[in-house]
Amino acid sequence: MAFAKEKGATPAQISLAWMLHKKNFIVPIPGSRKIERIKEHLDAADVELTDEEFERIEAELAKIELHGNRTDEDIAKLRYLD
């Protein structure tokens, strides 16, 4: 949240800006029930991350320990169980 505050953005906007910066073919589709959230998401297009800021976010995300199945192979196995 501190990084979002530094950028004058919301955490949701930073998340969307990060996804947009990650790959040029990624199109995030955030879900929203309220018009103010839709406006917030649209404003994320105006949040520009430098390469250094992007790498800072990536470095912090890399520190998070993930639990559970996250690979394509694991997902494929689950489909065959149905």
C-alpha atoms as a PDB file:
ATOM      1  CA  MET A   1       0.000   0.000   0.000  1.00  0.00           C
ATOM      2  CA  ALA A   2       2.922   2.328   0.615  1.00  0.00           C
ATOM      3  CA  PHE A   3       4.042   1.937  -2.995  1.00  0.00           C
ATOM      4  CA  ALA A   4       0.533   2.747  -4.240  1.00  0.00           C
ATOM      5  CA  LYS A   5       0.506   5.840  -2.047  1.00  0.00           C
ATOM      6  CA  GLU A   6       3.909   6.877  -3.470  1.00  0.00           C
ATOM      7  CA  LYS A   7       2.443   6.620  -6.971  1.00  0.00           C
ATOM      8  CA  GLY A   8      -0.782   8.414  -6.057  1.00  0.00           C
ATOM      9  CA  ALA A   9      -2.759   5.314  -6.972  1.00  0.00           C
ATOM     10  CA  THR A  10      -4.811   2.621  -5.291  1.00  0.00           C
ATOM     11  CA  PRO A  11      -3.481  -0.907  -4.714  1.00  0.00           C
ATOM     12  CA  ALA A  12      -5.934  -2.184  -7.346  1.00  0.00           C
ATOM     13  CA  GLN A  13      -4.593   0.330  -9.862  1.00  0.00           C
ATOM     14  CA  ILE A  14      -1.014  -0.734  -9.126  1.00  0.00           C
ATOM     15  CA  SER A  15      -1.989  -4.361  -9.647  1.00  0.00           C
ATOM     16  CA  LEU A  16      -3.558  -3.567 -13.006  1.00  0.00           C
ATOM     17  CA  ALA A  17      -0.650  -1.330 -14.031  1.00  0.00           C
ATOM     18  CA  TRP A  18       1.760  -4.146 -13.121  1.00  0.00           C
ATOM     19  CA  MET A  19      -0.162  -6.592 -15.317  1.00  0.00           C
ATOM     20  CA  LEU A  20      -0.259  -4.110 -18.192  1.00  0.00           C
ATOM     21  CA  HIS A  21       3.501  -3.524 -17.853  1.00  0.00           C
ATOM     22  CA  LYS A  22       4.307  -7.237 -17.640  1.00  0.00           C
ATOM     23  CA  LYS A  23       3.435  -8.212 -21.221  1.00  0.00           C
ATOM     24  CA  ASN A  24       1.938  -6.162 -24.029  1.00  0.00           C
ATOM     25  CA  PHE A  25      -0.574  -8.894 -24.870  1.00  0.00           C
ATOM     26  CA  ILE A  26      -2.036  -9.214 -21.365  1.00  0.00           C
ATOM     27  CA  VAL A  27      -5.473  -7.689 -20.988  1.00  0.00           C
ATOM     28  CA  PRO A  28      -6.620  -7.805 -17.371  1.00  0.00           C
ATOM     29  CA  ILE A  29     -10.363  -8.080 -16.878  1.00  0.00           C
ATOM     30  CA  PRO A  30     -11.145  -7.026 -13.307  1.00  0.00           C
ATOM     31  CA  GLY A  31     -14.534  -7.834 -11.897  1.00  0.00           C
ATOM     32  CA  SER A  32     -16.555  -5.039 -10.345  1.00  0.00           C
ATOM     33  CA  ARG A  33     -19.997  -4.605  -8.867  1.00  0.00           C
ATOM     34  CA  LYS A  34     -19.827  -0.874  -8.230  1.00  0.00           C
ATOM     35  CA  ILE A  35     -19.417   1.955 -10.726  1.00  0.00           C
ATOM     36  CA  GLU A  36     -16.720   3.619  -8.604  1.00  0.00           C
ATOM     37  CA  ARG A  37     -14.607   0.449  -8.853  1.00  0.00           C
ATOM     38  CA  ILE A  38     -15.016   0.399 -12.635  1.00  0.00           C
ATOM     39  CA  LYS A  39     -13.822   4.016 -12.767  1.00  0.00           C
ATOM     40  CA  GLU A  40     -10.913   3.135 -10.484  1.00  0.00           C
ATOM     41  CA  HIS A  41      -9.932   0.271 -12.786  1.00  0.00           C
ATOM     42  CA  LEU A  42     -10.142   2.476 -15.874  1.00  0.00           C
ATOM     43  CA  ASP A  43      -7.896   5.058 -14.224  1.00  0.00           C
ATOM     44  CA  ALA A  44      -5.245   2.355 -13.824  1.00  0.00           C
ATOM     45  CA  ALA A  45      -4.433   2.875 -17.509  1.00  0.00           C
ATOM     46  CA  ASP A  46      -2.987   6.252 -16.491  1.00  0.00           C
ATOM     47  CA  VAL A  47      -0.643   4.717 -13.897  1.00  0.00           C
ATOM     48  CA  GLU A  48       2.742   4.292 -15.525  1.00  0.00           C
ATOM     49  CA  LEU A  49       5.383   2.116 -13.958  1.00  0.00           C
ATOM     50  CA  THR A  50       9.037   2.572 -14.745  1.00  0.00           C
ATOM     51  CA  ASP A  51      11.086  -0.544 -15.403  1.00  0.00           C
ATOM     52  CA  GLU A  52      12.700  -0.039 -12.004  1.00  0.00           C
ATOM     53  CA  GLU A  53       9.315   0.164 -10.259  1.00  0.00           C
ATOM     54  CA  PHE A  54       8.145  -2.921 -12.121  1.00  0.00           C
ATOM     55  CA  GLU A  55      11.267  -4.822 -11.024  1.00  0.00           C
ATOM     56  CA  ARG A  56      10.701  -3.643  -7.447  1.00  0.00           C
ATOM     57  CA  ILE A  57       7.199  -5.143  -7.509  1.00  0.00           C
ATOM     58  CA  GLU A  58       8.484  -8.350  -9.129  1.00  0.00           C
ATOM     59  CA  ALA A  59      11.166  -8.691  -6.435  1.00  0.00           C
ATOM     60  CA  GLU A  60       8.598  -8.320  -3.660  1.00  0.00           C
ATOM     61  CA  LEU A  61       6.246 -10.822  -5.296  1.00  0.00           C
ATOM     62  CA  ALA A  62       9.107 -13.322  -5.620  1.00  0.00           C
ATOM     63  CA  LYS A  63       9.431 -13.321  -1.825  1.00  0.00           C
ATOM     64  CA  ILE A  64       5.916 -14.701  -1.371  1.00  0.00           C
ATOM     65  CA  GLU A  65       5.813 -18.431  -0.681  1.00  0.00           C
ATOM     66  CA  LEU A  66       3.077 -20.111  -2.708  1.00  0.00           C
ATOM     67  CA  HIS A  67       1.223 -23.193  -1.510  1.00  0.00           C
ATOM     68  CA  GLY A  68      -0.798 -25.650  -3.529  1.00  0.00           C
ATOM     69  CA  ASN A  69      -0.808 -26.669  -7.162  1.00  0.00           C
ATOM     70  CA  ARG A  70       0.134 -23.903  -9.581  1.00  0.00           C
ATOM     71  CA  THR A  71       1.424 -25.633 -12.714  1.00  0.00           C
ATOM     72  CA  ASP A  72      -0.341 -26.375 -15.992  1.00  0.00           C
ATOM     73  CA  GLU A  73       0.328 -30.069 -15.421  1.00  0.00           C
ATOM     74  CA  ASP A  74      -1.432 -29.964 -12.055  1.00  0.00           C
ATOM     75  CA  ILE A  75      -4.437 -28.228 -13.581  1.00  0.00           C
ATOM     76  CA  ALA A  76      -4.555 -30.753 -16.433  1.00  0.00           C
ATOM     77  CA  LYS A  77      -4.575 -33.617 -13.887  1.00  0.00           C
ATOM     78  CA  LEU A  78      -7.527 -32.051 -12.093  1.00  0.00           C
ATOM     79  CA  ARG A  79      -9.528 -31.869 -15.334  1.00  0.00           C
ATOM     80  CA  TYR A  80      -9.199 -35.623 -15.818  1.00  0.00           C
ATOM     81  CA  LEU A  81     -10.590 -36.287 -12.348  1.00  0.00           C
ATOM     82  CA  ASP A  82     -14.015 -34.888 -13.289  1.00  0.00           C
END
